Amino acid sequence: MNNFNELSLCPALQANLTRHGFSVPTPVQAQSIPPALEGRDVVATAQTGTGKTLAFLLPMVQSLLSKTVTKGAQAVILSPTRELALQINDAFQLLTEGTPLRAAAVVGGMNENKQLHQIRMGAQLLIATPGRLCDFLQRGLLNLERVRFFVLDEADRMLDMGFLPSIKTILKSVPATRQTLFFSATIEKSVAHLIESHVKNPARVAIGSTTKPAEQVDLHVYEVDSERKLPLLAHLLEQHEGSFLVFSRTKHGTDRLAKNLSRFGVKAARIHGNRSQSQRNQALDGFKSGAYRVLVATDVAARGIHVDNIAHVVNFDLPQAPEDFIHRIGRTGRAGARGIASSFHGRSERQEVRRIERTLGVRLEAKPMPAALPEPRHAATLHDEKVVVLPRAAKGGRRPETKTFVPRRHKRPAAR
């Protein structure tokens, strides 16, 4: 398949593809969509940013529209994160304009009453995270007996996040006679076992290497002391154009880094597991629109967040596993564009860098530290110590005494 016009699609679906500029399929779309339209199960592996969402949405929408559209859940898409589920829902809305198809986003962290209302109103597609969908099933709030189209997206990530029990519960609730599309960045042992148990004679699609970074991403590494990481990041922001996605290892570190970037005049948003869904949406929308140049995130954003034209990914903290390195830097260099991925590490983390290189079969280009780093434009934040000079009462001509005050939430532990 070289063009979407070659496919036998219903007129409304074909018109929506044309209206929104979908003409030439990506490799994963070209290889996955034809067998899926034939009704075959599909197992596809490809790096992030290769167009997997349309690869499973298009055949699913065509399947639903090929018969008389009735109310009730007939298709399920499982996603590892709320953000990815909501973005799949947005893509579904584009594809189904002018059709009677409706979707319900069934995800945690959002009002369940609205989701249940959409289900009761007859949504044909459920785009769900495993935890919330499993919860609804166990409470008897929905029925999946009519489902005939089932998608697992980012399956390896779902298993990494501990969703296997929920996935098994959901699979027991859908008919054995169904079409299953299985998309994943990698096929590890646990994923392979899931495929063997629940996918029948699938068409296999493998696009590029899923264990190496995309070739269009330049891999840089800086050895830097922890106190110079922030000025180094500010330097990169001065030297390079475009948006930056910056990864921090902890939620607290994410909050601190986003706030401290303001000292260098940089507007930054943040996303991590303790942020509410509305806060995460606001941060992501602001990053997409350019209101924030920098998005600071924990690994919750390593997959499932699709933002076009991210110029630079920065590992402010190294990932805990080499595989996470792939998922992080997969946010840049998408759709053929070039990108940069810079990783910061301390002297004690040299072996971690070597492990990433050995495991992934890549070479990170060591970059020298800049001769001069930018200075913050504003006063120290609440995270820094305040030094105040308080004069003592004038007794015996003593000189004033210097005392250091630390903000309450960062109070030093008492000496033992």
Protein backbone atom coordinates (compact mmCIF):
# COMPACT_ATOMS: atom_id res chain seq x y z
CA MET A 1 0.00 0.00 0.00
CA ASN A 2 1.51 3.29 -1.13
CA ASN A 3 -1.49 5.57 -0.62
CA PHE A 4 -4.63 5.51 1.50
CA ASN A 5 -6.66 6.02 -1.68
CA GLU A 6 -5.83 2.44 -2.63
CA LEU A 7 -7.93 1.09 0.24
CA SER A 8 -11.60 0.16 -0.06
CA LEU A 9 -12.94 2.35 2.73
CA CYS A 10 -16.37 3.78 3.37
CA PRO A 11 -16.78 7.28 1.84
CA ALA A 12 -16.94 9.14 5.17
CA LEU A 13 -13.72 7.55 6.41
CA GLN A 14 -11.90 8.20 3.14
CA ALA A 15 -13.11 11.82 3.13
CA ASN A 16 -11.86 12.36 6.69
CA LEU A 17 -8.44 10.96 5.82
CA THR A 18 -8.18 13.38 2.90
CA ARG A 19 -9.51 16.35 4.90
CA HIS A 20 -6.90 15.90 7.62
CA GLY A 21 -3.97 15.35 5.28
CA PHE A 22 -3.50 11.59 5.54
CA SER A 23 -2.36 10.42 2.11
CA VAL A 24 0.90 8.44 2.29
CA PRO A 25 1.03 5.79 5.05
CA THR A 26 4.02 5.26 7.30
CA PRO A 27 5.74 1.84 7.06
CA VAL A 28 3.91 0.41 10.07
CA GLN A 29 0.59 1.64 8.66
CA ALA A 30 1.33 0.27 5.19
CA GLN A 31 2.11 -3.19 6.57
CA SER A 32 -0.47 -3.40 9.38
CA ILE A 33 -3.64 -1.92 7.87
CA PRO A 34 -4.20 -4.29 4.89
CA PRO A 35 -4.17 -7.55 6.92
CA ALA A 36 -6.24 -5.87 9.65
CA LEU A 37 -8.84 -4.83 7.07
CA GLU A 38 -9.00 -8.50 6.01
CA GLY A 39 -10.00 -9.38 9.56
CA ARG A 40 -6.69 -10.93 10.59
CA ASP A 41 -5.07 -10.52 13.98
CA VAL A 42 -1.93 -8.35 13.85
CA VAL A 43 1.17 -8.22 16.04
CA ALA A 44 3.26 -5.15 15.23
CA THR A 45 6.47 -3.83 16.75
CA ALA A 46 7.84 -0.41 15.89
CA GLN A 47 9.54 2.49 17.59
CA THR A 48 7.51 5.31 19.03
CA GLY A 49 6.51 8.05 16.63
CA THR A 50 5.93 5.73 13.66
CA GLY A 51 2.16 6.13 13.32
CA LYS A 52 0.87 3.12 15.23
CA THR A 53 -2.30 4.89 16.40
CA LEU A 54 -3.74 5.27 12.89
CA ALA A 55 -2.54 1.74 12.08
CA PHE A 56 -5.09 0.27 14.49
CA LEU A 57 -7.75 2.99 14.45
CA LEU A 58 -8.40 2.95 10.71
CA PRO A 59 -9.23 -0.78 10.36
CA MET A 60 -11.27 -0.65 13.57
CA VAL A 61 -13.37 2.29 12.35
CA GLN A 62 -13.86 0.63 8.97
CA SER A 63 -14.94 -2.60 10.69
CA LEU A 64 -17.52 -0.76 12.81
CA LEU A 65 -18.87 1.22 9.85
CA SER A 66 -19.07 -1.80 7.54
CA LYS A 67 -22.17 -3.00 9.40
CA THR A 68 -25.23 -1.25 10.72
CA VAL A 69 -24.03 0.87 13.61
CA THR A 70 -25.77 -0.05 16.84
CA LYS A 71 -25.29 1.24 20.36
CA GLY A 72 -23.07 -0.48 22.90
CA ALA A 73 -19.40 -1.39 23.29
CA GLN A 74 -18.12 -3.31 20.27
CA ALA A 75 -14.44 -2.33 20.36
CA VAL A 76 -11.87 -1.82 23.12
CA ILE A 77 -8.49 -0.11 22.97
CA LEU A 78 -6.28 -0.54 26.03
CA SER A 79 -3.60 2.08 26.66
CA PRO A 80 -1.03 2.34 29.49
CA THR A 81 -1.63 6.01 30.35
CA ARG A 82 -4.42 8.56 30.53
CA GLU A 83 -2.56 10.90 28.21
CA LEU A 84 -2.20 8.32 25.46
CA ALA A 85 -5.85 7.24 25.83
CA LEU A 86 -7.02 10.84 25.46
CA GLN A 87 -4.82 11.37 22.41
CA ILE A 88 -6.19 8.20 20.81
CA ASN A 89 -9.66 9.58 21.52
CA ASP A 90 -8.74 12.83 19.74
CA ALA A 91 -7.53 10.87 16.68
CA PHE A 92 -10.75 8.83 16.73
CA GLN A 93 -12.80 12.02 16.65
CA LEU A 94 -10.96 13.18 13.51
CA LEU A 95 -11.50 9.87 11.72
CA THR A 96 -15.20 9.58 12.57
CA GLU A 97 -16.46 13.09 11.79
CA GLY A 98 -19.89 12.83 10.20
CA THR A 99 -20.47 9.22 11.30
CA PRO A 100 -22.65 7.82 14.12
CA LEU A 101 -19.68 6.30 15.93
CA ARG A 102 -18.99 7.45 19.48
CA ALA A 103 -16.21 6.71 21.96
CA ALA A 104 -15.87 6.80 25.73
CA ALA A 105 -12.51 7.48 27.37
CA VAL A 106 -12.48 5.17 30.41
CA VAL A 107 -9.44 6.31 32.41
CA GLY A 108 -8.44 6.87 36.00
CA GLY A 109 -7.96 10.28 37.53
CA MET A 110 -11.04 11.75 35.86
CA ASN A 111 -14.74 11.95 36.72
CA GLU A 112 -16.15 8.44 36.38
CA ASN A 113 -19.76 9.64 36.21
CA LYS A 114 -19.14 11.33 32.88
CA GLN A 115 -17.46 8.19 31.58
CA LEU A 116 -20.34 5.99 32.71
CA HIS A 117 -22.80 8.40 31.08
CA GLN A 118 -20.97 8.04 27.74
CA ILE A 119 -21.07 4.25 28.10
CA ARG A 120 -24.80 4.25 28.90
CA MET A 121 -25.45 6.53 25.92
CA GLY A 122 -24.16 3.73 23.71
CA ALA A 123 -20.51 4.46 22.90
CA GLN A 124 -19.27 1.82 20.45
CA LEU A 125 -15.58 2.22 21.36
CA LEU A 126 -14.03 2.18 24.80
CA ILE A 127 -10.55 3.74 24.94
CA ALA A 128 -9.36 2.70 28.36
CA THR A 129 -6.57 2.29 30.83
CA PRO A 130 -6.57 -1.23 32.31
CA GLY A 131 -7.14 -0.21 35.94
CA ARG A 132 -10.29 1.86 35.40
CA LEU A 133 -11.83 -0.57 32.87
CA CYS A 134 -11.17 -3.52 35.18
CA ASP A 135 -12.75 -1.59 38.06
CA PHE A 136 -15.91 -0.93 36.04
CA LEU A 137 -16.11 -4.61 35.09
CA GLN A 138 -15.72 -5.83 38.65
CA ARG A 139 -18.44 -3.44 39.80
CA GLY A 140 -20.79 -4.66 37.07
CA LEU A 141 -21.02 -1.24 35.43
CA LEU A 142 -20.43 -2.37 31.85
CA ASN A 143 -20.67 -5.40 29.59
CA LEU A 144 -18.13 -6.44 26.96
CA GLU A 145 -19.95 -9.46 25.53
CA ARG A 146 -20.46 -7.77 22.14
CA VAL A 147 -16.85 -6.70 21.65
CA ARG A 148 -15.44 -7.91 18.32
CA PHE A 149 -12.39 -5.68 17.97
CA PHE A 150 -9.68 -5.54 20.66
CA VAL A 151 -6.43 -3.51 20.67
CA LEU A 152 -3.53 -3.55 23.11
CA ASP A 153 -1.40 -0.48 22.51
CA GLU A 154 2.05 -0.14 24.10
CA ALA A 155 1.62 -3.62 25.54
CA ASP A 156 5.15 -3.85 26.92
CA ARG A 157 4.67 -0.61 28.84
CA MET A 158 1.42 -1.88 30.35
CA LEU A 159 3.17 -4.98 31.63
CA ASP A 160 6.05 -2.88 32.99
CA MET A 161 3.47 -0.87 34.94
CA GLY A 162 2.01 -4.00 36.54
CA PHE A 163 -1.26 -4.15 34.58
CA LEU A 164 -1.04 -7.84 33.66
CA PRO A 165 -3.72 -9.00 36.19
CA SER A 166 -6.13 -6.31 34.96
CA ILE A 167 -5.45 -7.18 31.32
CA LYS A 168 -6.18 -10.85 31.99
CA THR A 169 -9.44 -9.95 33.72
CA ILE A 170 -10.50 -7.82 30.76
CA LEU A 171 -9.56 -10.48 28.20
CA LYS A 172 -11.74 -13.01 30.05
CA SER A 173 -14.66 -10.59 29.71
CA VAL A 174 -14.51 -10.23 25.91
CA PRO A 175 -15.59 -12.94 23.43
CA ALA A 176 -12.95 -15.42 22.31
CA THR A 177 -14.12 -14.83 18.74
CA ARG A 178 -12.77 -11.39 18.05
CA GLN A 179 -10.10 -9.59 16.07
CA THR A 180 -7.05 -8.63 18.12
CA LEU A 181 -4.41 -6.07 17.21
CA PHE A 182 -1.31 -6.07 19.38
CA PHE A 183 1.10 -3.12 19.19
CA SER A 184 4.29 -2.86 21.20
CA ALA A 185 7.70 -1.23 21.08
CA THR A 186 9.36 -4.49 22.16
CA ILE A 187 8.38 -8.15 22.45
CA GLU A 188 9.85 -9.45 25.68
CA LYS A 189 9.12 -12.80 27.33
CA SER A 190 6.07 -11.65 29.28
CA VAL A 191 4.69 -9.95 26.19
CA ALA A 192 5.36 -13.02 24.03
CA HIS A 193 3.42 -15.18 26.49
CA LEU A 194 0.44 -12.83 26.27
CA ILE A 195 0.54 -13.01 22.49
CA GLU A 196 0.67 -16.81 22.45
CA SER A 197 -2.34 -17.01 24.75
CA HIS A 198 -4.64 -14.45 23.16
CA VAL A 199 -3.69 -13.83 19.51
CA LYS A 200 -4.57 -16.27 16.72
CA ASN A 201 -2.36 -16.78 13.65
CA PRO A 202 -1.40 -13.10 13.45
CA ALA A 203 0.19 -11.15 10.66
CA ARG A 204 3.60 -10.13 12.01
CA VAL A 205 4.91 -6.64 11.35
CA ALA A 206 8.33 -5.40 12.50
CA ILE A 207 9.50 -1.93 11.53
CA GLY A 208 13.16 -1.08 12.12
CA SER A 209 15.02 -1.87 15.31
CA THR A 210 12.99 -1.47 18.48
CA THR A 211 16.05 -1.78 20.70
CA LYS A 212 18.05 1.10 19.24
CA PRO A 213 17.40 4.84 19.02
CA ALA A 214 16.16 6.21 15.72
CA GLU A 215 19.02 7.07 13.36
CA GLN A 216 17.87 10.68 13.03
CA VAL A 217 18.54 11.40 16.73
CA ASP A 218 21.98 12.75 17.71
CA LEU A 219 23.05 11.22 21.04
CA HIS A 220 25.12 13.48 23.31
CA VAL A 221 26.37 12.92 26.84
CA TYR A 222 27.81 15.38 29.38
CA GLU A 223 29.72 14.52 32.55
CA VAL A 224 28.60 17.19 34.98
CA ASP A 225 28.45 17.76 38.73
CA SER A 226 24.94 17.84 40.12
CA GLU A 227 25.10 21.53 41.06
CA ARG A 228 26.01 22.46 37.45
CA LYS A 229 23.24 20.49 35.77
CA LEU A 230 20.76 23.36 35.89
CA PRO A 231 23.15 25.93 34.39
CA LEU A 232 24.11 23.38 31.70
CA LEU A 233 20.47 22.89 30.81
CA ALA A 234 20.05 26.67 30.62
CA HIS A 235 23.07 26.78 28.29
CA LEU A 236 21.54 24.19 25.96
CA LEU A 237 18.33 26.18 25.91
CA GLU A 238 20.31 29.26 24.87
CA GLN A 239 22.27 27.44 22.18
CA HIS A 240 19.48 25.39 20.59
CA GLU A 241 16.10 26.37 19.22
CA GLY A 242 12.82 24.53 19.69
CA SER A 243 11.02 22.78 22.49
CA PHE A 244 12.70 20.66 25.18
CA LEU A 245 11.35 17.57 26.97
CA VAL A 246 13.40 17.08 30.15
CA PHE A 247 13.30 13.90 32.22
CA SER A 248 13.83 13.85 35.98
CA ARG A 249 13.90 10.66 38.01
CA THR A 250 11.60 11.74 40.86
CA LYS A 251 8.39 13.70 41.31
CA HIS A 252 10.05 16.08 43.76
CA GLY A 253 12.96 16.62 41.37
CA THR A 254 10.52 17.38 38.58
CA ASP A 255 8.77 20.05 40.66
CA ARG A 256 12.05 21.60 41.77
CA LEU A 257 13.56 21.67 38.28
CA ALA A 258 10.48 23.25 36.67
CA LYS A 259 10.44 25.99 39.32
CA ASN A 260 14.18 26.63 39.21
CA LEU A 261 14.17 27.05 35.42
CA SER A 262 12.28 30.29 36.00
CA ARG A 263 15.49 31.65 37.54
CA PHE A 264 16.95 31.55 34.03
CA GLY A 265 13.88 33.12 32.47
CA VAL A 266 12.54 29.82 31.08
CA LYS A 267 8.83 28.98 31.18
CA ALA A 268 8.42 25.32 32.10
CA ALA A 269 5.51 23.00 32.83
CA ARG A 270 5.69 19.70 34.68
CA ILE A 271 4.01 16.29 34.56
CA HIS A 272 4.26 13.43 37.04
CA GLY A 273 2.06 10.93 38.85
CA ASN A 274 0.97 13.26 41.65
CA ARG A 275 -0.40 15.89 39.28
CA SER A 276 -4.16 15.82 38.71
CA GLN A 277 -5.47 15.07 35.25
CA SER A 278 -6.51 18.68 34.72
CA GLN A 279 -3.01 19.84 35.72
CA ARG A 280 -1.42 17.32 33.36
CA ASN A 281 -3.72 18.37 30.53
CA GLN A 282 -2.93 22.04 31.14
CA ALA A 283 0.82 21.35 31.12
CA LEU A 284 0.66 19.23 27.97
CA ASP A 285 -1.61 21.66 26.12
CA GLY A 286 0.65 24.58 27.06
CA PHE A 287 3.70 22.66 25.85
CA LYS A 288 2.01 21.80 22.56
CA SER A 289 0.91 25.39 21.96
CA GLY A 290 4.30 26.87 22.80
CA ALA A 291 3.16 28.62 25.98
CA TYR A 292 5.84 26.53 27.72
CA ARG A 293 9.12 25.87 25.95
CA VAL A 294 10.09 23.13 28.39
CA LEU A 295 8.12 20.19 29.75
CA VAL A 296 9.74 18.50 32.75
CA ALA A 297 8.49 14.97 33.38
CA THR A 298 9.09 11.69 35.11
CA ASP A 299 8.91 8.51 33.04
CA VAL A 300 5.11 8.77 33.00
CA ALA A 301 5.78 10.83 29.84
CA ALA A 302 8.34 8.51 28.29
CA ARG A 303 5.61 6.83 26.30
CA GLY A 304 2.13 7.78 25.40
CA ILE A 305 2.66 11.51 24.96
CA HIS A 306 2.64 12.47 21.30
CA VAL A 307 3.84 16.00 20.72
CA ASP A 308 5.06 16.95 17.27
CA ASN A 309 8.42 18.59 16.64
CA ILE A 310 10.13 18.18 20.02
CA ALA A 311 13.62 19.40 19.15
CA HIS A 312 15.57 18.20 22.16
CA VAL A 313 15.16 15.52 24.84
CA VAL A 314 17.33 15.90 27.95
CA ASN A 315 17.96 13.14 30.48
CA PHE A 316 18.57 15.47 33.44
CA ASP A 317 18.75 12.23 35.44
CA LEU A 318 19.77 8.99 33.76
CA PRO A 319 16.95 6.44 33.37
CA GLN A 320 16.88 3.49 35.73
CA ALA A 321 16.99 0.95 32.87
CA PRO A 322 18.59 1.13 29.40
CA GLU A 323 15.24 0.28 27.80
CA ASP A 324 13.76 3.45 29.30
CA PHE A 325 16.45 5.40 27.45
CA ILE A 326 14.88 4.30 24.15
CA HIS A 327 11.37 5.30 25.22
CA ARG A 328 12.52 8.69 26.47
CA ILE A 329 14.48 9.77 23.41
CA GLY A 330 11.78 8.37 21.13
CA ARG A 331 9.93 11.63 21.82
CA THR A 332 12.25 13.47 19.39
CA GLY A 333 13.37 12.74 15.84
CA ARG A 334 9.86 11.70 14.85
CA ALA A 335 8.34 11.46 11.38
CA GLY A 336 11.72 11.84 9.70
CA ALA A 337 12.78 15.02 11.52
CA ARG A 338 16.17 15.26 13.22
CA GLY A 339 16.40 15.55 16.96
CA ILE A 340 18.94 15.75 19.77
CA ALA A 341 19.05 13.70 22.96
CA SER A 342 21.43 14.91 25.69
CA SER A 343 22.14 12.92 28.84
CA PHE A 344 23.70 14.29 32.02
CA HIS A 345 25.69 12.06 34.39
CA GLY A 346 28.06 12.42 37.29
CA ARG A 347 31.48 10.81 37.59
CA SER A 348 30.00 7.99 39.70
CA GLU A 349 27.54 7.17 36.89
CA ARG A 350 30.09 6.42 34.19
CA GLN A 351 29.29 2.72 34.36
CA GLU A 352 25.59 3.46 33.87
CA VAL A 353 26.44 5.24 30.62
CA ARG A 354 28.57 2.28 29.49
CA ARG A 355 25.71 -0.09 30.34
CA ILE A 356 23.32 1.90 28.16
CA GLU A 357 25.82 1.81 25.30
CA ARG A 358 26.44 -1.95 25.62
CA THR A 359 22.80 -2.90 26.02
CA LEU A 360 21.54 -0.80 23.13
CA GLY A 361 24.58 -1.12 20.88
CA VAL A 362 25.01 2.63 20.53
CA ARG A 363 27.74 5.16 21.14
CA LEU A 364 26.92 8.35 23.03
CA GLU A 365 29.03 11.28 21.84
CA ALA A 366 30.85 12.82 24.82
CA LYS A 367 30.50 16.60 24.77
CA PRO A 368 32.84 18.96 26.66
CA MET A 369 31.44 21.23 29.32
CA PRO A 370 31.02 24.83 28.11
CA ALA A 371 33.71 27.27 29.24
CA ALA A 372 31.09 29.56 30.78
CA LEU A 373 27.61 28.71 32.00
CA PRO A 374 24.75 31.20 32.35
CA GLU A 375 23.93 32.72 35.70
CA PRO A 376 20.37 32.80 37.08
CA ARG A 377 18.49 36.02 36.47
CA HIS A 378 16.49 35.98 39.68
CA ALA A 379 17.12 35.60 43.39
CA ALA A 380 17.38 32.19 44.99
CA THR A 381 14.15 30.26 45.27
CA LEU A 382 12.56 28.82 48.38
CA HIS A 383 14.55 25.65 47.79
CA ASP A 384 17.77 27.49 48.62
CA GLU A 385 19.08 28.47 52.02
CA LYS A 386 18.65 32.07 53.19
CA VAL A 387 21.54 33.65 55.09
CA VAL A 388 20.44 36.44 57.41
CA VAL A 389 22.62 38.55 59.72
CA LEU A 390 20.97 39.34 63.03
CA PRO A 391 22.72 41.64 65.55
CA ARG A 392 22.82 40.35 69.10
CA ALA A 393 21.97 42.52 72.04
CA ALA A 394 24.90 44.81 72.73
CA LYS A 395 26.50 43.14 75.73
CA GLY A 396 30.19 43.31 76.16
CA GLY A 397 30.63 44.70 72.66
CA ARG A 398 30.01 41.38 70.91
CA ARG A 399 29.93 41.42 67.13
CA PRO A 400 26.76 40.49 65.20
CA GLU A 401 26.22 36.80 64.72
CA THR A 402 25.40 35.15 61.38
CA LYS A 403 22.61 32.59 61.43
CA THR A 404 21.39 30.40 58.58
CA PHE A 405 17.68 29.66 58.17
CA VAL A 406 16.40 26.77 56.09
CA PRO A 407 12.79 26.64 54.82
CA ARG A 408 10.60 24.47 57.02
CA ARG A 409 10.00 21.70 54.45
CA HIS A 410 13.78 21.35 53.92
CA LYS A 411 14.79 21.59 57.60
CA ARG A 412 18.02 19.81 58.37
CA PRO A 413 17.73 16.76 60.61
CA ALA A 414 18.82 17.21 64.20
CA ALA A 415 22.33 16.07 64.97
CA ARG A 416 22.54 12.78 66.77
